[in-house]
C-alpha cells in the first residue's frame, strides 16, 4: 500500500475522456514520475490529486484518507504541497517575507492576509525562515524582492515555501519549465538534496526526459488519459509503447 493510492479514476469533460480508469500507487519515500505526450491527462490527474477537480468515479487515498471532496487548502493541511508550472510566490514581497508566510499559515487564502500582517513579529519564525533559506542556498538573497529573482531562484523559493510546511508528499508540475539549462541542472540537484536530506515522497510531472531519468525511481506513462505502462526507469527507456507514444525514443 503506497502513501498515495489512485484507483479506477475516471474524468470526462463533455465528450472527452480525460482520464480513463487510472490506477497509480506512489510508495512512501520514493520519487515517482508521471509522463506522457501532450493531452495524455497528466494535468487533469494532478488537479484531481490537489482537489481542484473531482473525478466522475474512482478513489484517491493519501496516507489512509480520501482526498476527494476536500478543498485544496484542506489537502495541503493533510501534508500535500504542490509546486506549480509557474512559480507561485508573493512577487511584491521580499524573499524572507515569502518564506515566513507559510511558517504562520497553510496556503488557505482566508489566512494569507493574517499571515502577511504577522510577518516579522516572532523571533522563532525568523530563525525558522533563515534556516530554510540556508538549506536551499538563498539566505544571501533574503532582502531581494521576489519579482527580481531569476526563474530558477523563483522556483527554489517556491520549493522552500513548500518545504517549510513539512509536507509528506511534494507534487511537482513541470518544475523545470521555461528554465535555462543551468537552472534546470540546479533544480535537479536541489531536488536530489531534498530527497537525500528529508526523504520526502515526490510525484513529478515533467516533459524533460533528462529530468525524469535523473530523479525518478518509478515512472507511469499516460496516453490519452489511460496508463500505458508503469515500471522502473531502466525498463521505461526502451519500452516499445513508450517510444510509440512519444513518436521516437527519448534522448537521455
C-alpha atoms as a PDB file:
ATOM      1  CA  UNK A   1       0.000   0.000   0.000  1.00  0.00           C
ATOM      2  CA  UNK A   2       1.507   3.331  -1.121  1.00  0.00           C
ATOM      3  CA  UNK A   3       1.219   6.650   0.659  1.00  0.00           C
ATOM      4  CA  UNK A   4      -0.800   7.783  -2.399  1.00  0.00           C
ATOM      5  CA  UNK A   5      -3.282   5.334  -3.946  1.00  0.00           C
ATOM      6  CA  UNK A   6      -5.303   6.200  -7.057  1.00  0.00           C
ATOM      7  CA  UNK A   7      -7.806   3.532  -8.069  1.00  0.00           C
ATOM      8  CA  UNK A   8     -10.144   3.436 -11.052  1.00  0.00           C
ATOM      9  CA  UNK A   9     -10.238   7.211 -11.548  1.00  0.00           C
ATOM     10  CA  UNK A  10     -12.282   8.471 -14.499  1.00  0.00           C
ATOM     11  CA  UNK A  11     -12.899  12.051 -15.603  1.00  0.00           C
ATOM     12  CA  UNK A  12     -14.775  13.325 -18.648  1.00  0.00           C
ATOM     13  CA  UNK A  13     -15.173  16.844 -19.991  1.00  0.00           C
ATOM     14  CA  UNK A  14     -18.216  16.602 -22.238  1.00  0.00           C
ATOM     15  CA  UNK A  15     -17.329  14.060 -24.903  1.00  0.00           C
ATOM     16  CA  UNK A  16     -13.634  13.979 -23.967  1.00  0.00           C
ATOM     17  CA  UNK A  17     -12.363  11.167 -21.770  1.00  0.00           C
ATOM     18  CA  UNK A  18      -9.544  12.971 -19.948  1.00  0.00           C
ATOM     19  CA  UNK A  19      -8.820  10.106 -17.537  1.00  0.00           C
ATOM     20  CA  UNK A  20      -9.822   6.515 -18.106  1.00  0.00           C
ATOM     21  CA  UNK A  21      -9.596   4.001 -15.272  1.00  0.00           C
ATOM     22  CA  UNK A  22      -6.332   5.393 -13.900  1.00  0.00           C
ATOM     23  CA  UNK A  23      -4.587   3.366 -11.223  1.00  0.00           C
ATOM     24  CA  UNK A  24      -1.463   4.700  -9.539  1.00  0.00           C
ATOM     25  CA  UNK A  25       0.449   3.774  -6.400  1.00  0.00           C
ATOM     26  CA  UNK A  26       3.224   6.007  -5.055  1.00  0.00           C
ATOM     27  CA  UNK A  27       5.360   4.361  -2.411  1.00  0.00           C
ATOM     28  CA  UNK A  28       6.401   6.424   0.596  1.00  0.00           C
ATOM     29  CA  UNK A  29       9.867   7.929   0.300  1.00  0.00           C
ATOM     30  CA  UNK A  30      10.157   7.442  -3.462  1.00  0.00           C
ATOM     31  CA  UNK A  31      10.269   9.754  -6.469  1.00  0.00           C
ATOM     32  CA  UNK A  32       7.530   8.778  -8.927  1.00  0.00           C
ATOM     33  CA  UNK A  33       7.297  10.456 -12.337  1.00  0.00           C
ATOM     34  CA  UNK A  34       4.121  10.729 -14.406  1.00  0.00           C
ATOM     35  CA  UNK A  35       4.917  11.316 -18.065  1.00  0.00           C
ATOM     36  CA  UNK A  36       3.161  11.268 -21.407  1.00  0.00           C
ATOM     37  CA  UNK A  37       2.647  13.319 -24.573  1.00  0.00           C
ATOM     38  CA  UNK A  38       0.534  16.464 -24.634  1.00  0.00           C
ATOM     39  CA  UNK A  39      -3.111  15.684 -23.903  1.00  0.00           C
ATOM     40  CA  UNK A  40      -2.257  12.489 -22.030  1.00  0.00           C
ATOM     41  CA  UNK A  41      -4.160  13.548 -18.905  1.00  0.00           C
ATOM     42  CA  UNK A  42      -1.239  14.448 -16.658  1.00  0.00           C
ATOM     43  CA  UNK A  43      -2.509  17.882 -15.598  1.00  0.00           C
ATOM     44  CA  UNK A  44      -6.034  16.552 -15.111  1.00  0.00           C
ATOM     45  CA  UNK A  45      -4.701  13.846 -12.806  1.00  0.00           C
ATOM     46  CA  UNK A  46      -2.656  16.365 -10.836  1.00  0.00           C
ATOM     47  CA  UNK A  47      -5.692  18.615 -10.423  1.00  0.00           C
ATOM     48  CA  UNK A  48      -7.634  15.638  -9.053  1.00  0.00           C
ATOM     49  CA  UNK A  49      -4.846  14.947  -6.550  1.00  0.00           C
ATOM     50  CA  UNK A  50      -4.875  18.524  -5.184  1.00  0.00           C
ATOM     51  CA  UNK A  51      -8.644  18.928  -5.036  1.00  0.00           C
ATOM     52  CA  UNK A  52      -9.143  21.253  -7.993  1.00  0.00           C
ATOM     53  CA  UNK A  53     -11.164  18.591  -9.833  1.00  0.00           C
ATOM     54  CA  UNK A  54     -13.472  15.848  -8.597  1.00  0.00           C
ATOM     55  CA  UNK A  55     -13.358  12.650 -10.682  1.00  0.00           C
ATOM     56  CA  UNK A  56     -16.524  11.096 -12.082  1.00  0.00           C
ATOM     57  CA  UNK A  57     -15.615   7.816 -10.398  1.00  0.00           C
ATOM     58  CA  UNK A  58     -12.784   6.139  -8.546  1.00  0.00           C
ATOM     59  CA  UNK A  59     -10.904   6.869  -5.339  1.00  0.00           C
ATOM     60  CA  UNK A  60      -7.833   8.821  -4.269  1.00  0.00           C
ATOM     61  CA  UNK A  61      -6.355   7.965  -0.875  1.00  0.00           C
ATOM     62  CA  UNK A  62      -3.453   9.778   0.775  1.00  0.00           C
ATOM     63  CA  UNK A  63      -1.922   8.345   3.932  1.00  0.00           C
ATOM     64  CA  UNK A  64      -5.101   6.335   4.509  1.00  0.00           C
ATOM     65  CA  UNK A  65      -7.523   9.252   3.988  1.00  0.00           C
ATOM     66  CA  UNK A  66      -9.630  10.179   0.973  1.00  0.00           C
ATOM     67  CA  UNK A  67      -8.780  13.497  -0.690  1.00  0.00           C
ATOM     68  CA  UNK A  68     -11.982  13.585  -2.724  1.00  0.00           C
ATOM     69  CA  UNK A  69     -14.375  16.388  -1.860  1.00  0.00           C
ATOM     70  CA  UNK A  70     -11.758  18.283   0.135  1.00  0.00           C
ATOM     71  CA  UNK A  71     -10.754  21.829  -0.702  1.00  0.00           C
ATOM     72  CA  UNK A  72      -7.181  22.476  -1.877  1.00  0.00           C
ATOM     73  CA  UNK A  73      -6.154  24.091   1.440  1.00  0.00           C
ATOM     74  CA  UNK A  74      -7.520  21.058   3.329  1.00  0.00           C
ATOM     75  CA  UNK A  75      -5.424  18.744   1.162  1.00  0.00           C
ATOM     76  CA  UNK A  76      -2.434  20.974   1.883  1.00  0.00           C
ATOM     77  CA  UNK A  77      -3.107  20.583   5.598  1.00  0.00           C
ATOM     78  CA  UNK A  78      -3.126  16.792   5.119  1.00  0.00           C
ATOM     79  CA  UNK A  79       0.515  17.008   4.060  1.00  0.00           C
ATOM     80  CA  UNK A  80       0.445  17.510   0.275  1.00  0.00           C
ATOM     81  CA  UNK A  81       2.261  20.520  -1.182  1.00  0.00           C
ATOM     82  CA  UNK A  82       2.342  21.487  -4.853  1.00  0.00           C
ATOM     83  CA  UNK A  83       4.968  23.213  -6.970  1.00  0.00           C
ATOM     84  CA  UNK A  84       3.285  24.891  -9.942  1.00  0.00           C
ATOM     85  CA  UNK A  85       4.442  25.244 -13.565  1.00  0.00           C
ATOM     86  CA  UNK A  86       4.709  28.986 -12.979  1.00  0.00           C
ATOM     87  CA  UNK A  87       6.240  29.606  -9.540  1.00  0.00           C
ATOM     88  CA  UNK A  88       3.541  30.726  -7.083  1.00  0.00           C
ATOM     89  CA  UNK A  89       5.187  33.336  -4.898  1.00  0.00           C
ATOM     90  CA  UNK A  90       4.338  36.768  -3.497  1.00  0.00           C
ATOM     91  CA  UNK A  91       6.096  38.843  -6.153  1.00  0.00           C
ATOM     92  CA  UNK A  92       5.962  42.176  -4.303  1.00  0.00           C
ATOM     93  CA  UNK A  93       7.381  40.813  -1.045  1.00  0.00           C
ATOM     94  CA  UNK A  94      10.988  40.055  -0.193  1.00  0.00           C
ATOM     95  CA  UNK A  95      12.423  36.555  -0.252  1.00  0.00           C
ATOM     96  CA  UNK A  96      12.421  36.495   3.551  1.00  0.00           C
ATOM     97  CA  UNK A  97       8.793  37.627   3.762  1.00  0.00           C
ATOM     98  CA  UNK A  98       7.782  34.946   1.256  1.00  0.00           C
ATOM     99  CA  UNK A  99       9.343  32.171   3.279  1.00  0.00           C
ATOM    100  CA  UNK A 100       7.928  33.471   6.578  1.00  0.00           C
ATOM    101  CA  UNK A 101       4.300  33.442   5.423  1.00  0.00           C
ATOM    102  CA  UNK A 102       3.899  29.628   5.329  1.00  0.00           C
ATOM    103  CA  UNK A 103       5.596  29.490   8.729  1.00  0.00           C
ATOM    104  CA  UNK A 104       2.399  31.060  10.090  1.00  0.00           C
ATOM    105  CA  UNK A 105      -0.268  29.506   7.927  1.00  0.00           C
ATOM    106  CA  UNK A 106      -1.036  26.968   5.237  1.00  0.00           C
ATOM    107  CA  UNK A 107      -1.938  28.174   1.738  1.00  0.00           C
ATOM    108  CA  UNK A 108      -5.580  28.800   2.615  1.00  0.00           C
ATOM    109  CA  UNK A 109      -6.420  32.167   1.057  1.00  0.00           C
ATOM    110  CA  UNK A 110      -8.546  33.060   4.092  1.00  0.00           C
ATOM    111  CA  UNK A 111      -5.405  33.140   6.247  1.00  0.00           C
ATOM    112  CA  UNK A 112      -2.998  34.830   3.852  1.00  0.00           C
ATOM    113  CA  UNK A 113      -3.639  38.393   4.990  1.00  0.00           C
ATOM    114  CA  UNK A 114      -3.317  37.387   8.627  1.00  0.00           C
ATOM    115  CA  UNK A 115      -0.027  35.655   7.819  1.00  0.00           C
ATOM    116  CA  UNK A 116       1.321  38.654   5.917  1.00  0.00           C
ATOM    117  CA  UNK A 117       0.408  41.007   8.787  1.00  0.00           C
ATOM    118  CA  UNK A 118       2.194  38.707  11.244  1.00  0.00           C
ATOM    119  CA  UNK A 119       5.472  38.578   9.315  1.00  0.00           C
ATOM    120  CA  UNK A 120       8.427  39.819  11.317  1.00  0.00           C
ATOM    121  CA  UNK A 121       6.842  39.772  14.754  1.00  0.00           C
ATOM    122  CA  UNK A 122       8.164  36.487  16.126  1.00  0.00           C
ATOM    123  CA  UNK A 123      11.848  35.685  16.545  1.00  0.00           C
ATOM    124  CA  UNK A 124      11.274  31.951  16.250  1.00  0.00           C
ATOM    125  CA  UNK A 125       9.626  32.378  12.870  1.00  0.00           C
ATOM    126  CA  UNK A 126      12.534  34.493  11.622  1.00  0.00           C
ATOM    127  CA  UNK A 127      15.024  31.826  12.703  1.00  0.00           C
ATOM    128  CA  UNK A 128      12.979  29.099  11.029  1.00  0.00           C
ATOM    129  CA  UNK A 129      12.798  31.098   7.796  1.00  0.00           C
ATOM    130  CA  UNK A 130      16.525  31.816   7.853  1.00  0.00           C
ATOM    131  CA  UNK A 131      17.324  28.144   8.312  1.00  0.00           C
ATOM    132  CA  UNK A 132      15.092  27.145   5.385  1.00  0.00           C
ATOM    133  CA  UNK A 133      16.662  29.763   3.125  1.00  0.00           C
ATOM    134  CA  UNK A 134      20.093  28.495   4.133  1.00  0.00           C
ATOM    135  CA  UNK A 135      19.013  24.943   3.287  1.00  0.00           C
ATOM    136  CA  UNK A 136      18.163  25.987  -0.279  1.00  0.00           C
ATOM    137  CA  UNK A 137      21.185  28.301  -0.644  1.00  0.00           C
ATOM    138  CA  UNK A 138      19.160  31.523  -0.782  1.00  0.00           C
ATOM    139  CA  UNK A 139      19.925  33.170   2.535  1.00  0.00           C
ATOM    140  CA  UNK A 140      22.179  35.760   0.916  1.00  0.00           C
ATOM    141  CA  UNK A 141      19.191  36.880  -1.209  1.00  0.00           C
ATOM    142  CA  UNK A 142      16.787  37.284   1.713  1.00  0.00           C
ATOM    143  CA  UNK A 143      16.318  41.045   1.200  1.00  0.00           C
ATOM    144  CA  UNK A 144      15.668  40.831  -2.550  1.00  0.00           C
ATOM    145  CA  UNK A 145      12.148  41.447  -3.862  1.00  0.00           C
ATOM    146  CA  UNK A 146      10.853  38.146  -5.201  1.00  0.00           C
ATOM    147  CA  UNK A 147       9.876  39.587  -8.591  1.00  0.00           C
ATOM    148  CA  UNK A 148      13.547  40.405  -9.274  1.00  0.00           C
ATOM    149  CA  UNK A 149      14.698  36.798  -8.960  1.00  0.00           C
ATOM    150  CA  UNK A 150      15.654  34.605 -11.895  1.00  0.00           C
ATOM    151  CA  UNK A 151      13.248  31.858 -12.958  1.00  0.00           C
ATOM    152  CA  UNK A 152      15.447  29.280 -11.256  1.00  0.00           C
ATOM    153  CA  UNK A 153      15.567  31.215  -7.980  1.00  0.00           C
ATOM    154  CA  UNK A 154      11.809  31.790  -8.043  1.00  0.00           C
ATOM    155  CA  UNK A 155      11.407  28.025  -8.316  1.00  0.00           C
ATOM    156  CA  UNK A 156      13.886  27.495  -5.487  1.00  0.00           C
ATOM    157  CA  UNK A 157      11.958  29.973  -3.314  1.00  0.00           C
ATOM    158  CA  UNK A 158       8.637  28.278  -4.068  1.00  0.00           C
ATOM    159  CA  UNK A 159      10.096  24.903  -3.105  1.00  0.00           C
ATOM    160  CA  UNK A 160      11.354  26.398   0.153  1.00  0.00           C
ATOM    161  CA  UNK A 161       7.858  27.765   0.847  1.00  0.00           C
ATOM    162  CA  UNK A 162       6.508  24.241   0.390  1.00  0.00           C
ATOM    163  CA  UNK A 163       9.214  22.533   2.413  1.00  0.00           C
ATOM    164  CA  UNK A 164       8.843  24.802   5.445  1.00  0.00           C
ATOM    165  CA  UNK A 165       5.378  23.254   5.853  1.00  0.00           C
ATOM    166  CA  UNK A 166       6.963  19.788   6.302  1.00  0.00           C
ATOM    167  CA  UNK A 167       4.872  18.033   3.631  1.00  0.00           C
ATOM    168  CA  UNK A 168       4.673  14.264   3.365  1.00  0.00           C
ATOM    169  CA  UNK A 169       4.177  14.471  -0.413  1.00  0.00           C
ATOM    170  CA  UNK A 170       5.554  17.060  -2.808  1.00  0.00           C
ATOM    171  CA  UNK A 171       3.773  17.299  -6.176  1.00  0.00           C
ATOM    172  CA  UNK A 172       5.880  18.975  -8.857  1.00  0.00           C
ATOM    173  CA  UNK A 173       4.192  20.188 -12.045  1.00  0.00           C
ATOM    174  CA  UNK A 174       6.856  20.755 -14.715  1.00  0.00           C
ATOM    175  CA  UNK A 175       9.414  22.038 -12.167  1.00  0.00           C
ATOM    176  CA  UNK A 176      11.965  22.960 -14.864  1.00  0.00           C
ATOM    177  CA  UNK A 177       9.551  24.518 -17.388  1.00  0.00           C
ATOM    178  CA  UNK A 178      10.942  27.653 -19.033  1.00  0.00           C
ATOM    179  CA  UNK A 179      14.366  27.323 -17.438  1.00  0.00           C
ATOM    180  CA  UNK A 180      17.789  27.682 -18.996  1.00  0.00           C
ATOM    181  CA  UNK A 181      19.912  24.532 -18.888  1.00  0.00           C
ATOM    182  CA  UNK A 182      21.986  25.796 -15.947  1.00  0.00           C
ATOM    183  CA  UNK A 183      18.855  26.493 -13.889  1.00  0.00           C
ATOM    184  CA  UNK A 184      17.478  23.072 -14.852  1.00  0.00           C
ATOM    185  CA  UNK A 185      20.610  21.356 -13.581  1.00  0.00           C
ATOM    186  CA  UNK A 186      20.485  23.391 -10.368  1.00  0.00           C
ATOM    187  CA  UNK A 187      16.862  22.380  -9.842  1.00  0.00           C
ATOM    188  CA  UNK A 188      17.690  18.709 -10.390  1.00  0.00           C
ATOM    189  CA  UNK A 189      20.499  18.951  -7.841  1.00  0.00           C
ATOM    190  CA  UNK A 190      18.226  20.729  -5.346  1.00  0.00           C
ATOM    191  CA  UNK A 191      15.576  18.017  -5.654  1.00  0.00           C
ATOM    192  CA  UNK A 192      18.232  15.357  -5.142  1.00  0.00           C
ATOM    193  CA  UNK A 193      19.397  17.155  -1.990  1.00  0.00           C
ATOM    194  CA  UNK A 194      15.816  17.400  -0.711  1.00  0.00           C
ATOM    195  CA  UNK A 195      15.291  13.720  -1.398  1.00  0.00           C
ATOM    196  CA  UNK A 196      18.505  12.746   0.425  1.00  0.00           C
ATOM    197  CA  UNK A 197      18.131  15.072   3.409  1.00  0.00           C
ATOM    198  CA  UNK A 198      14.393  14.893   4.021  1.00  0.00           C
ATOM    199  CA  UNK A 199      13.208  11.663   2.409  1.00  0.00           C
ATOM    200  CA  UNK A 200      10.044  13.392   1.156  1.00  0.00           C
ATOM    201  CA  UNK A 201       7.877  11.442  -1.258  1.00  0.00           C
ATOM    202  CA  UNK A 202       7.697  13.183  -4.642  1.00  0.00           C
ATOM    203  CA  UNK A 203       5.418  12.835  -7.653  1.00  0.00           C
ATOM    204  CA  UNK A 204       6.675  14.690 -10.712  1.00  0.00           C
ATOM    205  CA  UNK A 205       5.012  15.635 -13.977  1.00  0.00           C
ATOM    206  CA  UNK A 206       7.735  16.577 -16.429  1.00  0.00           C
ATOM    207  CA  UNK A 207       8.334  16.711 -20.194  1.00  0.00           C
ATOM    208  CA  UNK A 208      12.127  16.882 -19.957  1.00  0.00           C
ATOM    209  CA  UNK A 209      13.212  13.247 -20.002  1.00  0.00           C
ATOM    210  CA  UNK A 210      16.666  14.155 -18.704  1.00  0.00           C
ATOM    211  CA  UNK A 211      14.983  15.467 -15.555  1.00  0.00           C
ATOM    212  CA  UNK A 212      12.746  12.395 -15.271  1.00  0.00           C
ATOM    213  CA  UNK A 213      15.535   9.858 -15.616  1.00  0.00           C
ATOM    214  CA  UNK A 214      17.809  11.840 -13.296  1.00  0.00           C
ATOM    215  CA  UNK A 215      15.299  11.751 -10.442  1.00  0.00           C
ATOM    216  CA  UNK A 216      12.600   9.105 -10.760  1.00  0.00           C
ATOM    217  CA  UNK A 217      12.720   5.669  -9.194  1.00  0.00           C
ATOM    218  CA  UNK A 218       9.477   4.641 -10.861  1.00  0.00           C
ATOM    219  CA  UNK A 219       7.619   6.018 -13.887  1.00  0.00           C
ATOM    220  CA  UNK A 220       3.997   5.866 -15.010  1.00  0.00           C
ATOM    221  CA  UNK A 221       3.366   6.633 -18.679  1.00  0.00           C
ATOM    222  CA  UNK A 222      -0.044   8.013 -19.654  1.00  0.00           C
ATOM    223  CA  UNK A 223      -1.516   8.240 -23.155  1.00  0.00           C
ATOM    224  CA  UNK A 224      -4.996   9.580 -23.932  1.00  0.00           C
ATOM    225  CA  UNK A 225      -5.888   9.501 -20.258  1.00  0.00           C
ATOM    226  CA  UNK A 226      -5.016   5.842 -19.738  1.00  0.00           C
ATOM    227  CA  UNK A 227      -1.868   4.321 -18.183  1.00  0.00           C
ATOM    228  CA  UNK A 228       0.266   2.616 -20.826  1.00  0.00           C
ATOM    229  CA  UNK A 229       2.956   1.175 -18.623  1.00  0.00           C
ATOM    230  CA  UNK A 230       4.468   1.602 -15.153  1.00  0.00           C
ATOM    231  CA  UNK A 231       7.973   0.428 -14.387  1.00  0.00           C
ATOM    232  CA  UNK A 232      11.475   1.380 -13.266  1.00  0.00           C
ATOM    233  CA  UNK A 233      13.319   3.930 -15.461  1.00  0.00           C
ATOM    234  CA  UNK A 234      15.663   1.356 -16.993  1.00  0.00           C
ATOM    235  CA  UNK A 235      12.731  -0.562 -18.463  1.00  0.00           C
ATOM    236  CA  UNK A 236      10.755   2.525 -19.470  1.00  0.00           C
ATOM    237  CA  UNK A 237      13.558   3.910 -21.645  1.00  0.00           C
ATOM    238  CA  UNK A 238      13.346   1.203 -24.279  1.00  0.00           C
ATOM    239  CA  UNK A 239       9.703   0.179 -23.925  1.00  0.00           C
ATOM    240  CA  UNK A 240       8.032  -0.005 -27.369  1.00  0.00           C
ATOM    241  CA  UNK A 241       4.761   1.521 -26.118  1.00  0.00           C
ATOM    242  CA  UNK A 242       6.651   4.498 -24.735  1.00  0.00           C
ATOM    243  CA  UNK A 243       8.559   5.054 -27.982  1.00  0.00           C
ATOM    244  CA  UNK A 244       5.298   4.868 -29.894  1.00  0.00           C
ATOM    245  CA  UNK A 245       3.561   7.356 -27.587  1.00  0.00           C
ATOM    246  CA  UNK A 246       6.353   9.864 -27.997  1.00  0.00           C
ATOM    247  CA  UNK A 247       6.909   9.192 -31.704  1.00  0.00           C
ATOM    248  CA  UNK A 248      10.539   8.462 -31.003  1.00  0.00           C
ATOM    249  CA  UNK A 249      12.844   7.274 -28.240  1.00  0.00           C
ATOM    250  CA  UNK A 250      13.714   9.785 -25.518  1.00  0.00           C
ATOM    251  CA  UNK A 251      17.221  11.208 -25.705  1.00  0.00           C
ATOM    252  CA  UNK A 252      18.853  10.674 -22.324  1.00  0.00           C
END
